Every structure is written in C-alpha cells, then in structure tokens.
Amino acid sequence: MDTSLTAPLISPDPSTAIAGRSEGAQRRLGRNAGTVAGHPVADIHDDRGSGIGVASQAPQRRIRQLSGPVNANGAAGPAVPVNGVLTIILVEDEALIRINTADMLEDMGHTVIEAATAAQALAAAEARDFDILVTDIGLPDMSGGDLANEVRRLKPTAGIIFATGESELPDGAGAGAVLLVKPYSGDSLKRALDRVR
C-alpha cells in the first residue's frame, strides 16, 4: 500500500501553538482554529481486505454546566471554595479569548462557567453560587460595567475583574473591582484573582 495514504491529511500547524499555554490549551485553541496542534485531525488506515478506515483523533471539548449541585429544595447549591478553588463566571464574546482564559483558569484548578453575553452570565449568576465575575467591558448586549452592577445586586460579595483592552476601569466599576488589561498572561490573571478575593 502507498504510505502516502496513511499519512495525516492535515499536518500540525505550529503557528497555533501559544507560548506559555498548557498542552491542553494549545490543543483546544488549535482545534478551534481548524487544526489540532501537535496531532493529526484524522487517522486514515487500510483495514486490510475491508477498505479504508477513518478515525477522528480530535479531542472532545469538556462540557461546562450552568448549574451546580442541587439541594433538598431543588435550588442550586453554593460554590464553596475548597483549597483555594473558586467558581468563576467568565464573560467574553470573543470565543478564542474566552476558551484560552477558561483553560488558564481551569489549569489553576478553578471551576469556570463560560458566557458569551451578559444575558448568559446573568442566567448563570441566578442559577448557582459563584465567587468571581471576570468580564469584558464591550459585550454585545450590555456593557461590562452594567453587567457588574447587576451581578452585585444578585451577589454583593462577588469579586469583579474587568478584562479589557482599556487602560481604566469603567465608570461605576465599584470598590474592589480589578482591571486586567488585554492581552494578559496566566500570571497576570492569577494576580488579578488574588487581588479581588
């Protein structure tokens, strides 16, 4: 059999690798960019006598649920920080930034609830307890500042981090809000979490 038929159809694209990111983060970002960094997307092989076989090798993305444990009354239970683990609502309308940030937070051991809009974030905030809101300022359906005010109404003790390309906190950001300037690293994200706790 011609070995060119068994070679990967799509070669790994080193340009999708992200310096300083975990291998899992690189795989997920690479897949979302149309490749899987370091791995072929499909394995094509000769099944000797039964034809050509194709097997997907793309990693499956973890599914994040908007609800936590349910108590006896049917209400979502609180997210209790254990050994420094936090439950974080991450609001970012740019998918690659949201996925990359979620990977960094999960690599730190935290639980992440992803939202692409303020409406999704508010639904998550009403559905379960959480510790910190990390939000972009420029969201498609509401400003990050207005979202933070709504979240504070629901949970006054929630920490607020504004992740933005702006150099200043938005008007009405409130006491204790932290500014995280894009682009940011895992270290600067960790420092922002430490400051808001």
Protein backbone atom coordinates (compact mmCIF):
# COMPACT_ATOMS: atom_id res chain seq x y z
CA MET A 1 0.00 0.00 0.00
CA ASP A 2 1.16 3.51 -0.77
CA THR A 3 2.26 5.02 2.58
CA SER A 4 1.19 8.48 1.46
CA LEU A 5 -2.40 7.30 2.01
CA THR A 6 -1.69 6.61 5.68
CA ALA A 7 -0.01 9.98 6.32
CA PRO A 8 -2.02 12.57 8.23
CA LEU A 9 -4.28 14.60 5.97
CA ILE A 10 -3.69 17.77 7.96
CA SER A 11 -0.25 18.45 9.33
CA PRO A 12 0.00 20.06 12.75
CA ASP A 13 0.25 23.81 12.42
CA PRO A 14 2.99 25.15 14.74
CA SER A 15 1.57 28.67 14.37
CA THR A 16 -1.39 27.60 16.53
CA ALA A 17 0.91 26.81 19.47
CA ILE A 18 0.73 29.51 22.13
CA ALA A 19 3.79 30.22 24.20
CA GLY A 20 3.24 29.62 27.89
CA ARG A 21 -0.06 27.77 27.44
CA SER A 22 -0.61 24.23 28.60
CA GLU A 23 -0.73 21.45 26.02
CA GLY A 24 -4.48 21.13 26.59
CA ALA A 25 -5.00 24.83 25.95
CA GLN A 26 -2.93 24.62 22.77
CA ARG A 27 -4.97 21.62 21.56
CA ARG A 28 -8.29 23.32 22.21
CA LEU A 29 -7.25 26.63 20.66
CA GLY A 30 -5.66 24.83 17.74
CA ARG A 31 -8.80 22.81 17.09
CA ASN A 32 -10.91 25.92 17.15
CA ALA A 33 -8.51 27.46 14.62
CA GLY A 34 -9.09 24.47 12.31
CA THR A 35 -6.17 22.28 13.38
CA VAL A 36 -5.15 20.26 16.39
CA ALA A 37 -1.74 21.45 17.48
CA GLY A 38 0.67 18.55 17.51
CA HIS A 39 -1.85 15.91 16.41
CA PRO A 40 -3.48 14.85 13.15
CA VAL A 41 -7.20 15.53 12.90
CA ALA A 42 -7.92 12.11 11.36
CA ASP A 43 -6.22 8.74 11.03
CA ILE A 44 -6.72 7.12 7.64
CA HIS A 45 -5.65 3.49 7.53
CA ASP A 46 -6.01 0.36 5.41
CA ASP A 47 -8.30 -2.16 7.12
CA ARG A 48 -6.74 -5.00 5.07
CA GLY A 49 -9.43 -6.52 2.96
CA SER A 50 -12.31 -4.32 4.14
CA GLY A 51 -11.28 -0.98 2.66
CA ILE A 52 -10.01 2.28 4.04
CA GLY A 53 -10.85 3.22 7.65
CA VAL A 54 -11.09 6.75 9.01
CA ALA A 55 -10.91 7.58 12.71
CA SER A 56 -11.20 11.07 14.18
CA GLN A 57 -8.44 11.98 16.60
CA ALA A 58 -9.76 15.41 17.51
CA PRO A 59 -10.05 15.86 21.29
CA GLN A 60 -13.52 16.41 22.68
CA ARG A 61 -14.15 19.74 24.42
CA ARG A 62 -15.24 19.48 28.03
CA ILE A 63 -18.85 20.48 28.65
CA ARG A 64 -19.45 23.09 31.32
CA GLN A 65 -22.81 23.13 33.06
CA LEU A 66 -24.56 26.25 34.25
CA SER A 67 -25.98 24.61 37.34
CA GLY A 68 -24.23 23.26 40.39
CA PRO A 69 -25.24 20.67 42.94
CA VAL A 70 -28.95 20.80 43.83
CA ASN A 71 -30.06 20.96 47.47
CA ALA A 72 -33.16 19.32 49.02
CA ASN A 73 -35.33 22.30 47.97
CA GLY A 74 -34.27 21.92 44.32
CA ALA A 75 -32.19 25.10 44.37
CA ALA A 76 -28.62 25.22 43.09
CA GLY A 77 -26.15 24.81 45.92
CA PRO A 78 -23.34 27.23 46.71
CA ALA A 79 -19.87 27.01 45.23
CA VAL A 80 -17.72 26.63 48.31
CA PRO A 81 -14.06 27.48 47.76
CA VAL A 82 -12.14 24.43 48.93
CA ASN A 83 -8.35 24.62 49.00
CA GLY A 84 -8.49 27.87 47.04
CA VAL A 85 -10.77 26.57 44.28
CA LEU A 86 -13.14 29.26 43.04
CA THR A 87 -16.22 29.22 40.84
CA ILE A 88 -15.78 31.91 38.20
CA ILE A 89 -18.26 33.27 35.67
CA LEU A 90 -16.20 34.23 32.62
CA VAL A 91 -17.90 36.61 30.16
CA GLU A 92 -16.17 37.21 26.83
CA ASP A 93 -17.80 37.48 23.40
CA GLU A 94 -14.58 36.59 21.52
CA ALA A 95 -14.58 32.77 21.52
CA LEU A 96 -10.81 32.22 21.31
CA ILE A 97 -10.11 34.65 24.16
CA ARG A 98 -12.86 33.01 26.26
CA ILE A 99 -11.55 29.49 25.59
CA ASN A 100 -7.95 30.49 26.31
CA THR A 101 -8.91 32.24 29.55
CA ALA A 102 -11.11 29.32 30.64
CA ASP A 103 -8.17 26.97 30.04
CA MET A 104 -5.87 29.15 32.15
CA LEU A 105 -8.41 29.28 34.98
CA GLU A 106 -9.02 25.53 34.84
CA ASP A 107 -5.25 24.90 34.80
CA MET A 108 -5.20 26.86 38.10
CA GLY A 109 -7.80 24.42 39.43
CA HIS A 110 -10.87 26.68 39.33
CA THR A 111 -14.37 25.90 38.09
CA VAL A 112 -15.34 28.04 35.09
CA ILE A 113 -18.79 28.93 33.77
CA GLU A 114 -18.40 30.42 30.30
CA ALA A 115 -20.76 33.03 28.84
CA ALA A 116 -20.59 34.88 25.52
CA THR A 117 -23.18 37.52 26.50
CA ALA A 118 -24.32 39.42 29.57
CA ALA A 119 -27.68 37.62 29.40
CA GLN A 120 -25.94 34.23 29.62
CA ALA A 121 -23.84 35.48 32.54
CA LEU A 122 -26.88 36.76 34.43
CA ALA A 123 -28.68 33.44 33.90
CA ALA A 124 -25.64 31.64 35.31
CA ALA A 125 -25.42 34.06 38.26
CA GLU A 126 -29.07 33.41 39.09
CA ALA A 127 -28.73 29.62 38.67
CA ARG A 128 -25.87 29.00 41.07
CA ASP A 129 -23.50 30.49 43.56
CA PHE A 130 -20.13 31.75 42.34
CA ASP A 131 -17.19 33.67 43.69
CA ILE A 132 -15.87 35.93 40.93
CA LEU A 133 -17.11 37.53 37.71
CA VAL A 134 -14.46 38.06 35.04
CA THR A 135 -15.98 40.17 32.26
CA ASP A 136 -15.05 42.06 29.14
CA ILE A 137 -16.32 45.65 29.06
CA GLY A 138 -17.54 45.68 25.45
CA LEU A 139 -20.22 42.97 25.31
CA PRO A 140 -22.81 42.75 22.53
CA ASP A 141 -25.92 43.07 24.71
CA MET A 142 -24.85 45.15 27.73
CA SER A 143 -21.72 46.92 28.91
CA GLY A 144 -19.47 45.01 31.29
CA GLY A 145 -19.96 47.81 33.83
CA ASP A 146 -23.75 47.41 33.75
CA LEU A 147 -23.36 43.63 33.99
CA ALA A 148 -21.13 44.02 37.06
CA ASN A 149 -23.79 46.22 38.72
CA GLU A 150 -26.49 43.61 38.03
CA VAL A 151 -24.24 40.85 39.38
CA ARG A 152 -23.52 42.87 42.52
CA ARG A 153 -27.28 43.24 43.04
CA LEU A 154 -27.58 39.42 42.92
CA LYS A 155 -24.45 38.74 44.96
CA PRO A 156 -22.92 41.74 46.73
CA THR A 157 -19.85 39.76 47.84
CA ALA A 158 -18.83 38.68 44.32
CA GLY A 159 -15.38 39.75 43.19
CA ILE A 160 -15.32 41.65 39.88
CA ILE A 161 -12.49 41.61 37.34
CA PHE A 162 -12.75 43.68 34.16
CA ALA A 163 -10.66 42.04 31.40
CA THR A 164 -10.34 44.65 28.68
CA GLY A 165 -8.06 46.43 26.27
CA GLU A 166 -8.92 49.70 28.03
CA SER A 167 -6.45 51.27 30.43
CA GLU A 168 -9.04 52.34 33.02
CA LEU A 169 -11.92 50.77 34.91
CA PRO A 170 -15.34 51.67 33.53
CA ASP A 171 -17.44 54.34 35.23
CA GLY A 172 -19.29 52.91 38.20
CA ALA A 173 -16.96 49.90 38.47
CA GLY A 174 -17.38 49.95 42.22
CA ALA A 175 -15.00 49.47 45.11
CA GLY A 176 -12.73 46.47 44.91
CA ALA A 177 -13.05 45.96 41.14
CA VAL A 178 -9.81 44.92 39.45
CA LEU A 179 -8.58 45.87 35.98
CA LEU A 180 -6.94 43.13 33.88
CA VAL A 181 -5.54 44.63 30.66
CA LYS A 182 -5.61 42.54 27.46
CA PRO A 183 -3.59 40.79 26.29
CA TYR A 184 -2.88 39.09 29.61
CA SER A 185 -0.85 36.10 30.72
CA GLY A 186 -1.74 33.35 33.17
CA ASP A 187 0.43 35.10 35.78
CA SER A 188 -1.38 38.44 35.43
CA LEU A 189 -4.73 36.61 35.55
CA LYS A 190 -3.67 34.86 38.77
CA ARG A 191 -2.56 38.19 40.29
CA ALA A 192 -5.97 39.71 39.43
CA LEU A 193 -7.72 36.77 41.13
CA ASP A 194 -5.54 37.20 44.20
CA ARG A 195 -6.34 40.94 44.36
CA VAL A 196 -10.12 40.51 44.13
CA ARG A 197 -10.55 37.71 46.68
